[in-house]
Structure formats: C-alpha cells, structure tokens
Amino acid sequence: MDRIHILGASGSGTTTLGAALAERLGIAHVDTDHYLWEPTDPPFQRTRAQEERCTLLAAALDAHPRWTLSGSLCCWGDRFIPRFELVIFLLVPTEIRLTRLQDRERQRFGTEALAPGGAMHATHVAFLNWAAAYDEGDNAMRSRQHHEQWLARLPRPYLRLEGPLTIADQLTRVEEWWTEREAKARRITR
C-alpha cells in the first residue's frame, strides 16, 4: 500500500486514520485541508483557487513516493484519482461525527469563542449545520450522495468502513482487505 486516499464526511475520522496508517506503514501523511484552505487566523475561512490548491497538493504528493491522503477532494481533485492504489470511504453516524466536531472546535477555538455572543459562534453553528446535512445533502455540497457517486466512478474497487470503529479496528480491516486483494491478484496471475 503506497498511495492511499481516505475520504468521508467531516468528523468521520479521515485525518485520524490517515495519520495512523501513515505511521503504521512508515509513509507520509498529507491532508487536503492544508491545500484547500488559505492560511487564516482563525483557520478555515477562505478556500484557495482550484488550480492553486491542485498545484500545491501535486507538489506535496510528488515529494513523497508513498503517502496517505486524507480528506475529500471531490469536485476539485479528480486529476489525482489515477495516483490512488487504495481508496477508503469512512461512513460514521451523524451523532458521533457531530460530537467529534464539537470537541474539535472547542479545542481549536475555545468554549468562550463558540458560545452565544462569542467571536466564532455564528461560524461554529453554520459549520455544524453544514456537517449535519451530509447524509441528506445533494451534489451542491460535500454530501454522502456526492461521495457515493464519486466512488461509483472510480476505476478500481474501494474499501468502505462503516460505523463507529476504533482506529485499531480500522487498521485491521484495511490490512485484511489489502492482504485479500493481493492474494486474489496472485491467484489470477498464476
């Protein structure tokens, strides 16, 4: 497994799994958020132009022969699909994702900034509403429908990990899937 892309809804754990897989395999971890968003304070306020983010991401991937790439690049990064040896789709229940996102936002910005009247309150509420709409949203947003359609167009099979799995469980399932795939390929070539 040299080039792995992990996608899912916000809060599904793509970055966490990407980092864990990178550590397990001794490869680089790259996250789409570093290329999608301009550096701002607070972060995640303005997206980069599509060509700029693609150029930056391509340079990051080219710098490492082996990597995990976490985060969604549907709608803007299809040119990277031929690079993927494995695509992993994480599907986690909404209530778990929203709890994770609320915890992450509190760690990032602080409780005071997110509270009603706080500097980040309106942005925080809008973000959580957007994240909550993932399962029912349409193609106009980062949604399950959009991800499912993108996955259906991939030129090779992908691995779907559903439910509130631990990182250890996810790593085991990825390794089992890859081992089975490699064994099947060897049987076909004999």
C-alpha atoms as a PDB file:
ATOM      1  CA  MET A   1       0.000   0.000   0.000  1.00  0.00           C
ATOM      2  CA  ASP A   2       1.872   3.039  -1.249  1.00  0.00           C
ATOM      3  CA  ARG A   3      -0.751   5.645  -2.169  1.00  0.00           C
ATOM      4  CA  ILE A   4      -3.951   5.666  -0.134  1.00  0.00           C
ATOM      5  CA  HIS A   5      -6.790   8.195  -0.235  1.00  0.00           C
ATOM      6  CA  ILE A   6      -9.254   8.352   2.679  1.00  0.00           C
ATOM      7  CA  LEU A   7     -12.493  10.315   2.417  1.00  0.00           C
ATOM      8  CA  GLY A   8     -15.733  10.751   4.306  1.00  0.00           C
ATOM      9  CA  ALA A   9     -17.902  13.338   5.995  1.00  0.00           C
ATOM     10  CA  SER A  10     -16.411  15.987   8.208  1.00  0.00           C
ATOM     11  CA  GLY A  11     -15.804  14.349  11.596  1.00  0.00           C
ATOM     12  CA  SER A  12     -15.682  10.810  10.192  1.00  0.00           C
ATOM     13  CA  GLY A  13     -12.014  10.414  11.126  1.00  0.00           C
ATOM     14  CA  THR A  14     -10.245  10.630   7.772  1.00  0.00           C
ATOM     15  CA  THR A  15      -7.321  12.606   9.212  1.00  0.00           C
ATOM     16  CA  THR A  16      -7.010  10.331  12.239  1.00  0.00           C
ATOM     17  CA  LEU A  17      -6.990   7.173  10.112  1.00  0.00           C
ATOM     18  CA  GLY A  18      -4.674   8.775   7.564  1.00  0.00           C
ATOM     19  CA  ALA A  19      -2.133   9.623  10.259  1.00  0.00           C
ATOM     20  CA  ALA A  20      -2.440   6.176  11.875  1.00  0.00           C
ATOM     21  CA  LEU A  21      -1.979   4.363   8.549  1.00  0.00           C
ATOM     22  CA  ALA A  22       0.972   6.580   7.659  1.00  0.00           C
ATOM     23  CA  GLU A  23       2.617   5.777  10.971  1.00  0.00           C
ATOM     24  CA  ARG A  24       1.888   2.038  10.665  1.00  0.00           C
ATOM     25  CA  LEU A  25       3.277   1.874   7.118  1.00  0.00           C
ATOM     26  CA  GLY A  26       6.132   4.345   7.610  1.00  0.00           C
ATOM     27  CA  ILE A  27       4.874   6.684   4.897  1.00  0.00           C
ATOM     28  CA  ALA A  28       3.957  10.383   4.649  1.00  0.00           C
ATOM     29  CA  HIS A  29       0.579  11.752   5.687  1.00  0.00           C
ATOM     30  CA  VAL A  30      -0.939  14.563   3.605  1.00  0.00           C
ATOM     31  CA  ASP A  31      -4.279  16.239   4.384  1.00  0.00           C
ATOM     32  CA  THR A  32      -6.406  18.032   1.785  1.00  0.00           C
ATOM     33  CA  ASP A  33      -7.316  20.783   4.281  1.00  0.00           C
ATOM     34  CA  HIS A  34      -3.757  22.128   4.051  1.00  0.00           C
ATOM     35  CA  TYR A  35      -4.260  22.735   0.321  1.00  0.00           C
ATOM     36  CA  LEU A  36      -7.972  23.535   0.131  1.00  0.00           C
ATOM     37  CA  TRP A  37      -7.841  26.371   2.667  1.00  0.00           C
ATOM     38  CA  GLU A  38      -5.803  29.551   2.658  1.00  0.00           C
ATOM     39  CA  PRO A  39      -3.868  30.111   5.892  1.00  0.00           C
ATOM     40  CA  THR A  40      -6.056  32.429   8.010  1.00  0.00           C
ATOM     41  CA  ASP A  41      -6.491  33.239  11.669  1.00  0.00           C
ATOM     42  CA  PRO A  42      -8.874  31.762  12.627  1.00  0.00           C
ATOM     43  CA  PRO A  43      -8.350  28.892  10.172  1.00  0.00           C
ATOM     44  CA  PHE A  44     -10.752  27.538   7.539  1.00  0.00           C
ATOM     45  CA  GLN A  45     -12.215  30.874   6.478  1.00  0.00           C
ATOM     46  CA  ARG A  46     -11.248  31.116   2.764  1.00  0.00           C
ATOM     47  CA  THR A  47     -10.620  28.430   0.183  1.00  0.00           C
ATOM     48  CA  ARG A  48      -7.792  28.659  -2.319  1.00  0.00           C
ATOM     49  CA  ALA A  49      -8.466  28.851  -6.034  1.00  0.00           C
ATOM     50  CA  GLN A  50      -8.802  25.346  -7.504  1.00  0.00           C
ATOM     51  CA  GLU A  51      -5.677  25.485  -9.671  1.00  0.00           C
ATOM     52  CA  GLU A  52      -3.556  26.748  -6.777  1.00  0.00           C
ATOM     53  CA  ARG A  53      -4.719  24.008  -4.399  1.00  0.00           C
ATOM     54  CA  CYS A  54      -4.134  21.336  -7.071  1.00  0.00           C
ATOM     55  CA  THR A  55      -0.637  22.649  -7.782  1.00  0.00           C
ATOM     56  CA  LEU A  56       0.243  22.667  -4.080  1.00  0.00           C
ATOM     57  CA  LEU A  57      -1.226  19.204  -3.486  1.00  0.00           C
ATOM     58  CA  ALA A  58       0.568  17.762  -6.520  1.00  0.00           C
ATOM     59  CA  ALA A  59       3.882  19.104  -5.204  1.00  0.00           C
ATOM     60  CA  ALA A  60       3.227  17.574  -1.777  1.00  0.00           C
ATOM     61  CA  LEU A  61       2.371  14.166  -3.248  1.00  0.00           C
ATOM     62  CA  ASP A  62       5.307  14.298  -5.665  1.00  0.00           C
ATOM     63  CA  ALA A  63       7.642  14.947  -2.729  1.00  0.00           C
ATOM     64  CA  HIS A  64       6.830  11.502  -1.287  1.00  0.00           C
ATOM     65  CA  PRO A  65       6.687   8.209  -3.200  1.00  0.00           C
ATOM     66  CA  ARG A  66       4.426   6.682  -0.531  1.00  0.00           C
ATOM     67  CA  TRP A  67       1.600   8.505   1.268  1.00  0.00           C
ATOM     68  CA  THR A  68      -1.853   8.602   2.759  1.00  0.00           C
ATOM     69  CA  LEU A  69      -4.056  11.480   1.629  1.00  0.00           C
ATOM     70  CA  SER A  70      -6.928  12.279   3.980  1.00  0.00           C
ATOM     71  CA  GLY A  71      -9.937  14.488   3.320  1.00  0.00           C
ATOM     72  CA  SER A  72     -12.343  14.982   0.475  1.00  0.00           C
ATOM     73  CA  LEU A  73     -11.151  16.258  -2.888  1.00  0.00           C
ATOM     74  CA  CYS A  74     -14.351  15.503  -4.789  1.00  0.00           C
ATOM     75  CA  CYS A  75     -15.261  18.332  -7.199  1.00  0.00           C
ATOM     76  CA  TRP A  76     -11.756  19.748  -7.339  1.00  0.00           C
ATOM     77  CA  GLY A  77      -9.147  16.985  -7.326  1.00  0.00           C
ATOM     78  CA  ASP A  78     -10.258  14.303  -9.761  1.00  0.00           C
ATOM     79  CA  ARG A  79      -6.921  14.620 -11.570  1.00  0.00           C
ATOM     80  CA  PHE A  80      -5.367  12.755  -8.615  1.00  0.00           C
ATOM     81  CA  ILE A  81      -7.539   9.624  -8.971  1.00  0.00           C
ATOM     82  CA  PRO A  82      -5.002   7.756 -11.162  1.00  0.00           C
ATOM     83  CA  ARG A  83      -2.457   8.053  -8.328  1.00  0.00           C
ATOM     84  CA  PHE A  84      -4.573   6.135  -5.803  1.00  0.00           C
ATOM     85  CA  GLU A  85      -3.825   2.470  -5.178  1.00  0.00           C
ATOM     86  CA  LEU A  86      -6.463   2.264  -2.482  1.00  0.00           C
ATOM     87  CA  VAL A  87      -9.430   4.491  -1.643  1.00  0.00           C
ATOM     88  CA  ILE A  88     -11.071   4.147   1.778  1.00  0.00           C
ATOM     89  CA  PHE A  89     -14.517   5.589   2.455  1.00  0.00           C
ATOM     90  CA  LEU A  90     -15.451   6.213   6.100  1.00  0.00           C
ATOM     91  CA  LEU A  91     -19.137   6.283   6.973  1.00  0.00           C
ATOM     92  CA  VAL A  92     -19.820   7.230  10.603  1.00  0.00           C
ATOM     93  CA  PRO A  93     -23.213   8.002  12.209  1.00  0.00           C
ATOM     94  CA  THR A  94     -24.066  11.711  12.256  1.00  0.00           C
ATOM     95  CA  GLU A  95     -24.377  11.998  16.039  1.00  0.00           C
ATOM     96  CA  ILE A  96     -20.858  10.615  16.519  1.00  0.00           C
ATOM     97  CA  ARG A  97     -19.429  12.932  13.859  1.00  0.00           C
ATOM     98  CA  LEU A  98     -21.111  15.996  15.363  1.00  0.00           C
ATOM     99  CA  THR A  99     -19.833  15.169  18.851  1.00  0.00           C
ATOM    100  CA  ARG A 100     -16.308  14.820  17.455  1.00  0.00           C
ATOM    101  CA  LEU A 101     -16.623  18.107  15.591  1.00  0.00           C
ATOM    102  CA  GLN A 102     -17.909  19.961  18.641  1.00  0.00           C
ATOM    103  CA  ASP A 103     -14.988  18.615  20.708  1.00  0.00           C
ATOM    104  CA  ARG A 104     -12.505  19.550  17.992  1.00  0.00           C
ATOM    105  CA  GLU A 105     -13.926  23.051  17.625  1.00  0.00           C
ATOM    106  CA  ARG A 106     -13.757  23.618  21.405  1.00  0.00           C
ATOM    107  CA  GLN A 107     -10.099  22.519  21.428  1.00  0.00           C
ATOM    108  CA  ARG A 108      -9.289  24.683  18.428  1.00  0.00           C
ATOM    109  CA  PHE A 109     -11.130  27.881  19.300  1.00  0.00           C
ATOM    110  CA  GLY A 110     -12.096  27.627  22.974  1.00  0.00           C
ATOM    111  CA  THR A 111     -15.502  27.402  24.624  1.00  0.00           C
ATOM    112  CA  GLU A 112     -15.854  31.155  25.026  1.00  0.00           C
ATOM    113  CA  ALA A 113     -15.374  31.881  21.316  1.00  0.00           C
ATOM    114  CA  LEU A 114     -18.032  29.293  20.371  1.00  0.00           C
ATOM    115  CA  ALA A 115     -20.638  30.280  22.976  1.00  0.00           C
ATOM    116  CA  PRO A 116     -23.556  32.546  22.031  1.00  0.00           C
ATOM    117  CA  GLY A 117     -22.133  36.036  21.613  1.00  0.00           C
ATOM    118  CA  GLY A 118     -18.625  34.617  21.116  1.00  0.00           C
ATOM    119  CA  ALA A 119     -16.409  35.630  18.201  1.00  0.00           C
ATOM    120  CA  MET A 120     -16.829  32.254  16.432  1.00  0.00           C
ATOM    121  CA  HIS A 121     -20.398  31.388  17.457  1.00  0.00           C
ATOM    122  CA  ALA A 122     -22.148  32.095  14.135  1.00  0.00           C
ATOM    123  CA  THR A 123     -19.404  30.360  12.132  1.00  0.00           C
ATOM    124  CA  HIS A 124     -19.480  27.371  14.502  1.00  0.00           C
ATOM    125  CA  VAL A 125     -23.261  26.965  14.251  1.00  0.00           C
ATOM    126  CA  ALA A 126     -23.168  27.262  10.449  1.00  0.00           C
ATOM    127  CA  PHE A 127     -20.382  24.657  10.261  1.00  0.00           C
ATOM    128  CA  LEU A 128     -22.248  22.174  12.477  1.00  0.00           C
ATOM    129  CA  ASN A 129     -25.439  22.656  10.440  1.00  0.00           C
ATOM    130  CA  TRP A 130     -23.470  22.038   7.238  1.00  0.00           C
ATOM    131  CA  ALA A 131     -21.838  18.906   8.705  1.00  0.00           C
ATOM    132  CA  ALA A 132     -25.214  17.611   9.953  1.00  0.00           C
ATOM    133  CA  ALA A 133     -26.664  17.880   6.418  1.00  0.00           C
ATOM    134  CA  TYR A 134     -24.108  15.411   4.955  1.00  0.00           C
ATOM    135  CA  ASP A 135     -26.413  12.369   4.841  1.00  0.00           C
ATOM    136  CA  GLU A 136     -29.350  14.207   3.275  1.00  0.00           C
ATOM    137  CA  GLY A 137     -27.473  16.778   1.165  1.00  0.00           C
ATOM    138  CA  ASP A 138     -27.311  16.861  -2.612  1.00  0.00           C
ATOM    139  CA  ASN A 139     -24.471  17.277  -5.097  1.00  0.00           C
ATOM    140  CA  ALA A 140     -24.238  21.002  -4.428  1.00  0.00           C
ATOM    141  CA  MET A 141     -22.353  20.236  -1.211  1.00  0.00           C
ATOM    142  CA  ARG A 142     -19.970  17.715   0.294  1.00  0.00           C
ATOM    143  CA  SER A 143     -22.593  15.045   0.870  1.00  0.00           C
ATOM    144  CA  ARG A 144     -22.971  11.301   1.063  1.00  0.00           C
ATOM    145  CA  GLN A 145     -24.788  11.364  -2.275  1.00  0.00           C
ATOM    146  CA  HIS A 146     -21.896  13.190  -3.873  1.00  0.00           C
ATOM    147  CA  HIS A 147     -19.290  10.879  -2.326  1.00  0.00           C
ATOM    148  CA  GLU A 148     -21.230   7.752  -3.357  1.00  0.00           C
ATOM    149  CA  GLN A 149     -21.434   8.975  -6.958  1.00  0.00           C
ATOM    150  CA  TRP A 150     -17.715   9.815  -6.960  1.00  0.00           C
ATOM    151  CA  LEU A 151     -16.855   6.369  -5.557  1.00  0.00           C
ATOM    152  CA  ALA A 152     -19.005   4.656  -8.215  1.00  0.00           C
ATOM    153  CA  ARG A 153     -16.854   6.271 -10.926  1.00  0.00           C
ATOM    154  CA  LEU A 154     -13.532   5.069  -9.523  1.00  0.00           C
ATOM    155  CA  PRO A 155     -11.583   2.810 -11.885  1.00  0.00           C
ATOM    156  CA  ARG A 156     -10.920   0.229  -9.152  1.00  0.00           C
ATOM    157  CA  PRO A 157     -12.647  -1.156  -6.044  1.00  0.00           C
ATOM    158  CA  TYR A 158     -12.570   0.788  -2.826  1.00  0.00           C
ATOM    159  CA  LEU A 159     -12.858  -0.142   0.841  1.00  0.00           C
ATOM    160  CA  ARG A 160     -15.912   1.030   2.802  1.00  0.00           C
ATOM    161  CA  LEU A 161     -15.565   1.211   6.594  1.00  0.00           C
ATOM    162  CA  GLU A 162     -18.923   1.808   8.286  1.00  0.00           C
ATOM    163  CA  GLY A 163     -19.854   2.506  11.867  1.00  0.00           C
ATOM    164  CA  PRO A 164     -18.109   3.730  14.982  1.00  0.00           C
ATOM    165  CA  LEU A 165     -14.974   1.599  14.613  1.00  0.00           C
ATOM    166  CA  THR A 166     -11.858   2.146  16.682  1.00  0.00           C
ATOM    167  CA  ILE A 167      -8.641   3.077  14.910  1.00  0.00           C
ATOM    168  CA  ALA A 168      -7.284  -0.394  15.740  1.00  0.00           C
ATOM    169  CA  ASP A 169     -10.351  -1.985  14.095  1.00  0.00           C
ATOM    170  CA  GLN A 170      -9.990   0.248  11.041  1.00  0.00           C
ATOM    171  CA  LEU A 171      -6.294  -0.584  10.662  1.00  0.00           C
ATOM    172  CA  THR A 172      -7.043  -4.308  10.947  1.00  0.00           C
ATOM    173  CA  ARG A 173      -9.791  -4.113   8.318  1.00  0.00           C
ATOM    174  CA  VAL A 174      -7.568  -2.153   5.924  1.00  0.00           C
ATOM    175  CA  GLU A 175      -4.739  -4.676   6.290  1.00  0.00           C
ATOM    176  CA  GLU A 176      -7.100  -7.656   5.876  1.00  0.00           C
ATOM    177  CA  TRP A 177      -8.709  -6.110   2.796  1.00  0.00           C
ATOM    178  CA  TRP A 178      -5.330  -5.359   1.213  1.00  0.00           C
ATOM    179  CA  THR A 179      -3.949  -8.837   2.006  1.00  0.00           C
ATOM    180  CA  GLU A 180      -7.036 -10.471   0.487  1.00  0.00           C
ATOM    181  CA  ARG A 181      -6.790  -8.251  -2.594  1.00  0.00           C
ATOM    182  CA  GLU A 182      -3.105  -9.087  -3.081  1.00  0.00           C
ATOM    183  CA  ALA A 183      -3.759 -12.844  -2.655  1.00  0.00           C
ATOM    184  CA  LYS A 184      -6.566 -12.661  -5.213  1.00  0.00           C
ATOM    185  CA  ALA A 185      -4.289 -10.838  -7.672  1.00  0.00           C
ATOM    186  CA  ARG A 186      -1.624 -13.537  -7.265  1.00  0.00           C
ATOM    187  CA  ARG A 187      -4.171 -16.284  -7.945  1.00  0.00           C
ATOM    188  CA  ILE A 188      -5.334 -14.523 -11.113  1.00  0.00           C
ATOM    189  CA  THR A 189      -1.794 -14.108 -12.468  1.00  0.00           C
ATOM    190  CA  ARG A 190      -0.913 -17.804 -11.970  1.00  0.00           C
END
